[in-house]
Amino acid sequence: MKQSIGKFERLYPNPVVLVSCSDGKNDNIITLAWVGTVCSNPPLISISIRLSRYSHALISSSKEFVINIPDEKMAEACDFCGTHSGRNVDKFEKSNLTKEKPFIIKTPLIKECQISIECRVKDIIHLGTHDMFIGEVVSVDAEKEIIYSDGDIDYDKVNTLTYLMGKYLKNNPV
């Protein structure tokens, strides 16, 4: 029998992503697990960020961001980028991640991530503690070895991570 335990967000597990952002002078990375697809045509993805976060200011300024999909080998970098502020540290340098030139926008991709999704901000919705940035996908960039012949991504070749109440979990294909 179920019982009510209150009201709070408990939709777990969530996908882990590394969002790169820039204001044209300063580049940063924020680890997020609050991300989701919101529309297929046009392709839209949402990310939710606390108003106090450094990345919030960068994305608000540039109106663009990149969703980089890390694999299981990047859990330590994900944890670092999620627990340190870009106001105080260069997360690219300290987490040994490499900036890669994007195809469409100006914000750098993360080279170590096999998949990067370039987005332009279409809308910002103030929700309370977080703002939801709705990003229109302008380019999906993937390593050649994980692309099917039809141009889609073979996610069986990418060991992605999920986040579950303070823990990073591997998503091994079944």
N, C-alpha and C. Protein backbone atom coordinates (compact mmCIF):
# COMPACT_ATOMS: atom_id res chain seq x y z
N MET A 1 0.84 -1.17 0.00
CA MET A 1 0.00 0.00 0.00
C MET A 1 0.89 1.25 0.00
N LYS A 2 0.55 2.21 -0.83
CA LYS A 2 1.31 3.46 -0.91
C LYS A 2 0.92 4.41 0.20
N GLN A 3 1.85 5.30 0.54
CA GLN A 3 1.54 6.40 1.45
C GLN A 3 2.16 7.66 0.90
N SER A 4 1.59 8.80 1.19
CA SER A 4 2.13 10.08 0.73
C SER A 4 3.35 10.42 1.56
N ILE A 5 4.42 10.84 0.88
CA ILE A 5 5.64 11.25 1.59
C ILE A 5 5.90 12.74 1.43
N GLY A 6 4.93 13.47 0.94
CA GLY A 6 5.06 14.91 0.79
C GLY A 6 5.07 15.32 -0.67
N LYS A 7 5.46 16.56 -0.91
CA LYS A 7 5.53 17.01 -2.30
C LYS A 7 6.90 17.62 -2.57
N PHE A 8 7.60 17.02 -3.48
CA PHE A 8 8.90 17.48 -3.93
C PHE A 8 9.24 16.71 -5.19
N GLU A 9 10.28 17.15 -5.90
CA GLU A 9 10.63 16.48 -7.14
C GLU A 9 11.29 15.14 -6.81
N ARG A 10 10.79 14.07 -7.35
CA ARG A 10 11.36 12.75 -7.14
C ARG A 10 11.26 11.91 -8.41
N LEU A 11 11.43 12.54 -9.54
CA LEU A 11 11.44 11.81 -10.79
C LEU A 11 12.88 11.38 -11.03
N TYR A 12 13.20 10.17 -10.63
CA TYR A 12 14.56 9.65 -10.75
C TYR A 12 14.53 8.31 -11.43
N PRO A 13 15.61 7.88 -12.05
CA PRO A 13 16.85 8.62 -12.28
C PRO A 13 16.71 9.61 -13.43
N ASN A 14 17.64 10.56 -13.46
CA ASN A 14 17.67 11.57 -14.51
C ASN A 14 18.95 11.42 -15.33
N PRO A 15 18.90 11.78 -16.62
CA PRO A 15 20.13 11.73 -17.43
C PRO A 15 21.11 12.79 -16.94
N VAL A 16 22.38 12.46 -16.96
CA VAL A 16 23.43 13.40 -16.59
C VAL A 16 24.00 14.02 -17.86
N VAL A 17 24.08 15.36 -17.88
CA VAL A 17 24.69 16.05 -19.01
C VAL A 17 25.66 17.10 -18.49
N LEU A 18 26.61 17.42 -19.32
CA LEU A 18 27.53 18.53 -19.06
C LEU A 18 27.14 19.64 -20.02
N VAL A 19 26.64 20.74 -19.49
CA VAL A 19 26.22 21.85 -20.34
C VAL A 19 27.36 22.86 -20.39
N SER A 20 27.87 23.09 -21.60
CA SER A 20 28.88 24.14 -21.76
C SER A 20 28.16 25.42 -22.14
N CYS A 21 28.72 26.53 -21.64
CA CYS A 21 28.12 27.84 -21.88
C CYS A 21 29.22 28.88 -21.90
N SER A 22 28.90 30.03 -22.45
CA SER A 22 29.90 31.09 -22.61
C SER A 22 29.19 32.42 -22.80
N ASP A 23 29.86 33.49 -22.37
CA ASP A 23 29.35 34.82 -22.66
C ASP A 23 30.22 35.50 -23.72
N GLY A 24 31.07 34.72 -24.38
CA GLY A 24 31.98 35.25 -25.39
C GLY A 24 33.37 35.51 -24.85
N LYS A 25 33.48 35.67 -23.52
CA LYS A 25 34.77 35.87 -22.87
C LYS A 25 35.08 34.74 -21.90
N ASN A 26 34.07 34.31 -21.19
CA ASN A 26 34.22 33.27 -20.16
C ASN A 26 33.45 32.02 -20.56
N ASP A 27 34.15 30.89 -20.55
CA ASP A 27 33.53 29.60 -20.84
C ASP A 27 33.34 28.84 -19.53
N ASN A 28 32.28 28.04 -19.47
CA ASN A 28 32.00 27.30 -18.25
C ASN A 28 31.30 25.99 -18.58
N ILE A 29 31.25 25.12 -17.59
CA ILE A 29 30.55 23.84 -17.68
C ILE A 29 29.72 23.69 -16.42
N ILE A 30 28.48 23.27 -16.56
CA ILE A 30 27.65 22.93 -15.41
C ILE A 30 27.09 21.52 -15.62
N THR A 31 27.15 20.72 -14.57
CA THR A 31 26.55 19.39 -14.62
C THR A 31 25.08 19.53 -14.27
N LEU A 32 24.23 18.96 -15.10
CA LEU A 32 22.79 19.02 -14.86
C LEU A 32 22.17 17.63 -15.00
N ALA A 33 21.14 17.41 -14.21
CA ALA A 33 20.34 16.21 -14.36
C ALA A 33 18.88 16.61 -14.61
N TRP A 34 18.63 17.90 -14.66
CA TRP A 34 17.28 18.39 -14.95
C TRP A 34 17.25 18.87 -16.39
N VAL A 35 17.04 17.92 -17.28
CA VAL A 35 17.08 18.17 -18.71
C VAL A 35 16.06 17.25 -19.37
N GLY A 36 15.42 17.72 -20.44
CA GLY A 36 14.45 16.85 -21.09
C GLY A 36 14.01 17.36 -22.45
N THR A 37 13.54 16.45 -23.26
CA THR A 37 12.98 16.77 -24.56
C THR A 37 11.60 17.37 -24.35
N VAL A 38 11.31 18.48 -25.05
CA VAL A 38 9.99 19.10 -24.89
C VAL A 38 9.20 19.20 -26.19
N CYS A 39 9.88 19.03 -27.35
CA CYS A 39 9.16 19.11 -28.63
C CYS A 39 10.04 18.48 -29.71
N SER A 40 9.39 17.87 -30.70
CA SER A 40 10.16 17.27 -31.79
C SER A 40 10.23 18.15 -33.04
N ASN A 41 9.22 19.01 -33.25
CA ASN A 41 9.24 19.87 -34.42
C ASN A 41 8.67 21.24 -34.06
N PRO A 42 9.54 22.23 -33.80
CA PRO A 42 10.99 22.18 -33.91
C PRO A 42 11.59 21.38 -32.75
N PRO A 43 12.81 20.84 -32.94
CA PRO A 43 13.42 20.09 -31.86
C PRO A 43 13.82 21.01 -30.71
N LEU A 44 13.22 20.77 -29.53
CA LEU A 44 13.45 21.61 -28.35
C LEU A 44 13.83 20.74 -27.17
N ILE A 45 14.83 21.21 -26.40
CA ILE A 45 15.26 20.53 -25.18
C ILE A 45 15.30 21.57 -24.08
N SER A 46 14.86 21.17 -22.88
CA SER A 46 14.89 22.10 -21.75
C SER A 46 16.00 21.73 -20.78
N ILE A 47 16.56 22.76 -20.18
CA ILE A 47 17.47 22.59 -19.05
C ILE A 47 16.99 23.55 -17.96
N SER A 48 17.10 23.13 -16.72
CA SER A 48 16.68 23.99 -15.61
C SER A 48 17.87 24.29 -14.72
N ILE A 49 18.06 25.59 -14.42
CA ILE A 49 19.23 26.05 -13.67
C ILE A 49 18.78 27.05 -12.61
N ARG A 50 19.33 26.92 -11.42
CA ARG A 50 19.08 27.90 -10.35
C ARG A 50 19.55 29.28 -10.79
N LEU A 51 18.81 30.29 -10.41
CA LEU A 51 19.13 31.66 -10.80
C LEU A 51 20.49 32.11 -10.27
N SER A 52 20.95 31.57 -9.17
CA SER A 52 22.22 31.99 -8.55
C SER A 52 23.45 31.40 -9.25
N ARG A 53 23.28 30.44 -10.11
CA ARG A 53 24.42 29.76 -10.74
C ARG A 53 25.08 30.64 -11.79
N TYR A 54 26.39 30.55 -11.85
CA TYR A 54 27.20 31.29 -12.82
C TYR A 54 26.75 30.99 -14.25
N SER A 55 26.47 29.72 -14.53
CA SER A 55 26.04 29.32 -15.87
C SER A 55 24.73 29.98 -16.27
N HIS A 56 23.86 30.24 -15.30
CA HIS A 56 22.59 30.92 -15.58
C HIS A 56 22.87 32.27 -16.22
N ALA A 57 23.82 33.02 -15.63
CA ALA A 57 24.16 34.35 -16.16
C ALA A 57 24.78 34.24 -17.55
N LEU A 58 25.65 33.26 -17.77
CA LEU A 58 26.30 33.12 -19.08
C LEU A 58 25.28 32.78 -20.17
N ILE A 59 24.39 31.85 -19.89
CA ILE A 59 23.38 31.46 -20.88
C ILE A 59 22.39 32.59 -21.11
N SER A 60 22.02 33.29 -20.05
CA SER A 60 21.11 34.44 -20.20
C SER A 60 21.72 35.50 -21.09
N SER A 61 23.03 35.68 -21.00
CA SER A 61 23.74 36.68 -21.79
C SER A 61 23.89 36.26 -23.26
N SER A 62 24.33 35.02 -23.48
CA SER A 62 24.65 34.58 -24.85
C SER A 62 23.45 34.03 -25.61
N LYS A 63 22.44 33.56 -24.88
CA LYS A 63 21.25 32.93 -25.47
C LYS A 63 21.58 31.66 -26.24
N GLU A 64 22.60 30.92 -25.74
CA GLU A 64 22.94 29.63 -26.34
C GLU A 64 23.63 28.75 -25.31
N PHE A 65 23.63 27.44 -25.57
CA PHE A 65 24.31 26.47 -24.72
C PHE A 65 24.50 25.18 -25.50
N VAL A 66 25.37 24.31 -24.98
CA VAL A 66 25.60 23.01 -25.59
C VAL A 66 25.36 21.93 -24.55
N ILE A 67 24.52 20.96 -24.89
CA ILE A 67 24.31 19.79 -24.04
C ILE A 67 25.29 18.73 -24.51
N ASN A 68 26.27 18.41 -23.66
CA ASN A 68 27.27 17.40 -23.96
C ASN A 68 26.93 16.16 -23.15
N ILE A 69 26.91 15.00 -23.79
CA ILE A 69 26.51 13.77 -23.12
C ILE A 69 27.75 12.99 -22.71
N PRO A 70 28.03 12.96 -21.39
CA PRO A 70 29.22 12.25 -20.91
C PRO A 70 28.98 10.74 -20.85
N ASP A 71 30.08 10.00 -20.80
CA ASP A 71 29.95 8.56 -20.61
C ASP A 71 30.44 8.19 -19.22
N GLU A 72 30.37 6.91 -18.91
CA GLU A 72 30.68 6.43 -17.55
C GLU A 72 32.10 6.78 -17.09
N LYS A 73 33.02 6.96 -18.01
CA LYS A 73 34.40 7.30 -17.65
C LYS A 73 34.51 8.74 -17.16
N MET A 74 33.46 9.53 -17.33
CA MET A 74 33.50 10.94 -17.00
C MET A 74 32.78 11.29 -15.70
N ALA A 75 32.45 10.31 -14.88
CA ALA A 75 31.70 10.57 -13.64
C ALA A 75 32.45 11.54 -12.73
N GLU A 76 33.75 11.41 -12.62
CA GLU A 76 34.53 12.31 -11.76
C GLU A 76 34.47 13.75 -12.27
N ALA A 77 34.60 13.93 -13.58
CA ALA A 77 34.50 15.28 -14.17
C ALA A 77 33.09 15.84 -13.96
N CYS A 78 32.07 14.99 -14.10
CA CYS A 78 30.70 15.43 -13.87
C CYS A 78 30.52 15.91 -12.44
N ASP A 79 31.05 15.15 -11.50
CA ASP A 79 30.92 15.53 -10.10
C ASP A 79 31.65 16.84 -9.84
N PHE A 80 32.87 16.99 -10.39
CA PHE A 80 33.63 18.23 -10.19
C PHE A 80 32.87 19.43 -10.76
N CYS A 81 32.39 19.30 -11.98
CA CYS A 81 31.70 20.43 -12.64
C CYS A 81 30.37 20.75 -11.97
N GLY A 82 29.82 19.80 -11.21
CA GLY A 82 28.57 20.04 -10.51
C GLY A 82 28.75 20.55 -9.09
N THR A 83 29.99 20.51 -8.58
CA THR A 83 30.20 20.91 -7.19
C THR A 83 31.14 22.11 -7.04
N HIS A 84 31.60 22.67 -8.14
CA HIS A 84 32.47 23.85 -8.10
C HIS A 84 31.87 24.94 -8.98
N SER A 85 32.11 26.19 -8.61
CA SER A 85 31.57 27.30 -9.38
C SER A 85 32.58 27.79 -10.41
N GLY A 86 32.09 28.05 -11.61
CA GLY A 86 32.92 28.62 -12.66
C GLY A 86 33.33 30.06 -12.37
N ARG A 87 32.71 30.67 -11.38
CA ARG A 87 33.14 32.01 -10.96
C ARG A 87 34.55 31.96 -10.36
N ASN A 88 34.89 30.80 -9.77
CA ASN A 88 36.13 30.67 -9.01
C ASN A 88 37.18 29.78 -9.66
N VAL A 89 36.79 28.98 -10.62
CA VAL A 89 37.72 27.99 -11.20
C VAL A 89 37.39 27.77 -12.67
N ASP A 90 38.42 27.51 -13.46
CA ASP A 90 38.24 27.15 -14.87
C ASP A 90 37.95 25.65 -14.91
N LYS A 91 36.70 25.29 -15.09
CA LYS A 91 36.30 23.89 -15.04
C LYS A 91 36.88 23.07 -16.19
N PHE A 92 37.06 23.68 -17.35
CA PHE A 92 37.70 22.96 -18.45
C PHE A 92 39.09 22.51 -18.03
N GLU A 93 39.85 23.44 -17.49
CA GLU A 93 41.23 23.14 -17.10
C GLU A 93 41.29 22.16 -15.93
N LYS A 94 40.54 22.42 -14.87
CA LYS A 94 40.62 21.61 -13.65
C LYS A 94 40.06 20.20 -13.83
N SER A 95 39.14 20.01 -14.76
CA SER A 95 38.57 18.68 -14.98
C SER A 95 39.19 17.99 -16.19
N ASN A 96 40.23 18.59 -16.75
CA ASN A 96 40.93 18.04 -17.92
C ASN A 96 40.01 17.77 -19.11
N LEU A 97 39.11 18.70 -19.34
CA LEU A 97 38.21 18.60 -20.50
C LEU A 97 38.68 19.60 -21.55
N THR A 98 38.47 19.24 -22.81
CA THR A 98 38.99 20.01 -23.93
C THR A 98 37.88 20.73 -24.67
N LYS A 99 38.11 22.01 -24.93
CA LYS A 99 37.15 22.78 -25.73
C LYS A 99 37.29 22.36 -27.19
N GLU A 100 36.14 22.20 -27.84
CA GLU A 100 36.12 21.84 -29.26
C GLU A 100 35.24 22.84 -29.99
N LYS A 101 35.64 23.17 -31.19
CA LYS A 101 34.91 24.16 -31.99
C LYS A 101 33.53 23.64 -32.36
N PRO A 102 32.49 24.44 -32.11
CA PRO A 102 31.13 24.05 -32.50
C PRO A 102 30.91 24.22 -34.00
N PHE A 103 29.84 23.65 -34.50
CA PHE A 103 29.51 23.76 -35.93
C PHE A 103 28.69 25.01 -36.23
N ILE A 104 27.78 25.40 -35.33
CA ILE A 104 26.84 26.48 -35.61
C ILE A 104 26.98 27.66 -34.66
N ILE A 105 26.94 27.41 -33.36
CA ILE A 105 26.95 28.50 -32.38
C ILE A 105 28.39 28.83 -31.97
N LYS A 106 28.56 29.69 -30.97
CA LYS A 106 29.90 30.10 -30.54
C LYS A 106 30.39 29.37 -29.28
N THR A 107 29.49 28.79 -28.53
CA THR A 107 29.85 28.11 -27.28
C THR A 107 30.60 26.82 -27.59
N PRO A 108 31.73 26.57 -26.90
CA PRO A 108 32.51 25.37 -27.20
C PRO A 108 31.81 24.07 -26.81
N LEU A 109 32.10 23.04 -27.60
CA LEU A 109 31.68 21.68 -27.28
C LEU A 109 32.72 21.10 -26.32
N ILE A 110 32.42 19.95 -25.72
CA ILE A 110 33.39 19.23 -24.91
C ILE A 110 33.86 18.03 -25.73
N LYS A 111 35.12 18.05 -26.10
CA LYS A 111 35.69 17.03 -26.99
C LYS A 111 35.54 15.61 -26.45
N GLU A 112 35.68 15.44 -25.15
CA GLU A 112 35.63 14.10 -24.54
C GLU A 112 34.24 13.48 -24.56
N CYS A 113 33.21 14.26 -24.81
CA CYS A 113 31.84 13.74 -24.92
C CYS A 113 31.60 13.33 -26.38
N GLN A 114 31.11 12.13 -26.58
CA GLN A 114 30.88 11.63 -27.94
C GLN A 114 29.73 12.33 -28.65
N ILE A 115 28.83 12.94 -27.87
CA ILE A 115 27.66 13.62 -28.43
C ILE A 115 27.54 15.01 -27.83
N SER A 116 27.33 16.00 -28.68
CA SER A 116 27.09 17.37 -28.24
C SER A 116 25.90 17.91 -29.02
N ILE A 117 25.03 18.62 -28.32
CA ILE A 117 23.82 19.15 -28.93
C ILE A 117 23.84 20.67 -28.78
N GLU A 118 24.04 21.36 -29.88
CA GLU A 118 24.10 22.82 -29.88
C GLU A 118 22.68 23.39 -29.86
N CYS A 119 22.44 24.33 -28.95
CA CYS A 119 21.10 24.90 -28.79
C CYS A 119 21.15 26.42 -28.71
N ARG A 120 20.13 27.04 -29.26
CA ARG A 120 19.89 28.47 -29.09
C ARG A 120 18.67 28.62 -28.21
N VAL A 121 18.74 29.54 -27.27
CA VAL A 121 17.63 29.74 -26.33
C VAL A 121 16.42 30.31 -27.08
N LYS A 122 15.33 29.58 -26.99
CA LYS A 122 14.07 30.01 -27.61
C LYS A 122 13.19 30.72 -26.59
N ASP A 123 13.29 30.28 -25.33
CA ASP A 123 12.45 30.86 -24.29
C ASP A 123 13.08 30.59 -22.93
N ILE A 124 12.81 31.46 -21.97
CA ILE A 124 13.23 31.27 -20.59
C ILE A 124 11.97 31.40 -19.74
N ILE A 125 11.70 30.38 -18.96
CA ILE A 125 10.50 30.37 -18.12
C ILE A 125 10.94 30.37 -16.66
N HIS A 126 10.54 31.40 -15.93
CA HIS A 126 10.86 31.48 -14.50
C HIS A 126 9.89 30.57 -13.75
N LEU A 127 10.44 29.61 -13.00
CA LEU A 127 9.60 28.62 -12.34
C LEU A 127 9.61 28.72 -10.82
N GLY A 128 10.50 29.50 -10.26
CA GLY A 128 10.67 29.56 -8.80
C GLY A 128 12.16 29.57 -8.52
N THR A 129 12.67 28.51 -7.90
CA THR A 129 14.11 28.44 -7.61
C THR A 129 14.93 28.27 -8.87
N HIS A 130 14.31 27.79 -9.95
CA HIS A 130 15.00 27.53 -11.21
C HIS A 130 14.33 28.28 -12.36
N ASP A 131 15.14 28.58 -13.37
CA ASP A 131 14.62 29.02 -14.66
C ASP A 131 14.79 27.87 -15.63
N MET A 132 13.78 27.66 -16.46
CA MET A 132 13.88 26.65 -17.50
C MET A 132 14.27 27.35 -18.80
N PHE A 133 15.40 26.94 -19.35
CA PHE A 133 15.84 27.43 -20.65
C PHE A 133 15.38 26.43 -21.69
N ILE A 134 14.56 26.87 -22.61
CA ILE A 134 14.12 26.01 -23.71
C ILE A 134 15.07 26.31 -24.87
N GLY A 135 15.81 25.28 -25.26
CA GLY A 135 16.79 25.46 -26.33
C GLY A 135 16.33 24.79 -27.60
N GLU A 136 16.42 25.54 -28.70
CA GLU A 136 16.13 24.94 -30.01
C GLU A 136 17.41 24.31 -30.53
N VAL A 137 17.33 23.04 -30.85
CA VAL A 137 18.50 22.31 -31.34
C VAL A 137 18.85 22.82 -32.74
N VAL A 138 20.10 23.29 -32.89
CA VAL A 138 20.56 23.77 -34.20
C VAL A 138 21.57 22.82 -34.82
N SER A 139 22.14 21.91 -34.01
CA SER A 139 23.06 20.90 -34.54
C SER A 139 23.28 19.81 -33.51
N VAL A 140 23.20 18.55 -33.94
CA VAL A 140 23.58 17.41 -33.11
C VAL A 140 24.90 16.92 -33.69
N ASP A 141 25.93 16.91 -32.85
CA ASP A 141 27.29 16.57 -33.28
C ASP A 141 27.71 15.28 -32.59
N ALA A 142 28.13 14.28 -33.35
CA ALA A 142 28.49 12.98 -32.76
C ALA A 142 29.74 12.42 -33.43
N GLU A 143 30.48 11.64 -32.65
CA GLU A 143 31.66 10.94 -33.17
C GLU A 143 31.21 9.97 -34.26
N LYS A 144 32.00 9.86 -35.31
CA LYS A 144 31.63 9.02 -36.46
C LYS A 144 31.36 7.57 -36.09
N GLU A 145 32.14 7.03 -35.15
CA GLU A 145 32.01 5.60 -34.82
C GLU A 145 30.71 5.24 -34.10
N ILE A 146 29.93 6.23 -33.67
CA ILE A 146 28.66 5.91 -33.01
C ILE A 146 27.45 6.29 -33.87
N ILE A 147 27.69 6.64 -35.13
CA ILE A 147 26.60 7.03 -36.02
C ILE A 147 26.23 5.86 -36.93
N TYR A 148 24.95 5.50 -36.91
CA TYR A 148 24.43 4.48 -37.83
C TYR A 148 24.56 4.96 -39.28
N SER A 149 24.45 4.07 -40.21
CA SER A 149 24.53 4.44 -41.64
C SER A 149 23.39 5.37 -42.04
N ASP A 150 22.25 5.33 -41.31
CA ASP A 150 21.12 6.21 -41.64
C ASP A 150 21.28 7.60 -41.00
N GLY A 151 22.39 7.81 -40.27
CA GLY A 151 22.65 9.12 -39.69
C GLY A 151 22.21 9.28 -38.25
N ASP A 152 21.54 8.28 -37.67
CA ASP A 152 21.12 8.37 -36.28
C ASP A 152 22.24 7.89 -35.36
N ILE A 153 22.07 8.07 -34.06
CA ILE A 153 23.10 7.72 -33.09
C ILE A 153 22.84 6.33 -32.52
N ASP A 154 23.88 5.52 -32.44
CA ASP A 154 23.83 4.19 -31.83
C ASP A 154 24.16 4.35 -30.35
N TYR A 155 23.13 4.56 -29.53
CA TYR A 155 23.34 4.79 -28.10
C TYR A 155 23.84 3.54 -27.38
N ASP A 156 23.77 2.38 -28.00
CA ASP A 156 24.35 1.18 -27.39
C ASP A 156 25.87 1.29 -27.29
N LYS A 157 26.46 2.19 -28.06
CA LYS A 157 27.91 2.38 -28.05
C LYS A 157 28.34 3.50 -27.09
N VAL A 158 27.38 4.12 -26.42
CA VAL A 158 27.67 5.20 -25.49
C VAL A 158 27.17 4.78 -24.11
N ASN A 159 28.07 4.59 -23.17
CA ASN A 159 27.69 4.20 -21.82
C ASN A 159 27.38 5.45 -20.99
N THR A 160 26.16 5.92 -21.15
CA THR A 160 25.74 7.17 -20.50
C THR A 160 25.58 6.99 -18.99
N LEU A 161 25.41 8.12 -18.33
CA LEU A 161 25.22 8.15 -16.87
C LEU A 161 23.83 8.67 -16.52
N THR A 162 23.33 8.22 -15.39
CA THR A 162 22.14 8.83 -14.80
C THR A 162 22.48 9.24 -13.38
N TYR A 163 21.65 10.09 -12.84
CA TYR A 163 21.83 10.61 -11.49
C TYR A 163 20.66 10.17 -10.64
N LEU A 164 20.96 9.61 -9.47
CA LEU A 164 19.91 9.13 -8.58
C LEU A 164 20.23 9.56 -7.15
N MET A 165 19.64 10.68 -6.74
CA MET A 165 19.73 11.15 -5.37
C MET A 165 21.16 11.12 -4.82
N GLY A 166 22.07 11.82 -5.51
CA GLY A 166 23.44 11.95 -5.04
C GLY A 166 24.41 10.93 -5.59
N LYS A 167 23.94 10.01 -6.44
CA LYS A 167 24.82 8.98 -7.00
C LYS A 167 24.77 9.01 -8.53
N TYR A 168 25.92 8.75 -9.14
CA TYR A 168 25.99 8.58 -10.59
C TYR A 168 25.92 7.09 -10.88
N LEU A 169 25.05 6.72 -11.82
CA LEU A 169 24.87 5.31 -12.17
C LEU A 169 25.17 5.11 -13.64
N LYS A 170 25.76 3.97 -13.97
CA LYS A 170 26.04 3.62 -15.36
C LYS A 170 24.75 3.11 -16.00
N ASN A 171 24.56 3.46 -17.25
CA ASN A 171 23.42 2.97 -18.02
C ASN A 171 23.92 1.95 -19.03
N ASN A 172 24.07 0.73 -18.61
CA ASN A 172 24.53 -0.29 -19.55
C ASN A 172 23.33 -0.80 -20.34
N PRO A 173 23.50 -0.94 -21.66
CA PRO A 173 22.39 -1.44 -22.49
C PRO A 173 21.98 -2.85 -22.06
N VAL A 174 20.68 -3.14 -22.18
CA VAL A 174 20.19 -4.46 -21.83
C VAL A 174 20.26 -5.42 -22.98
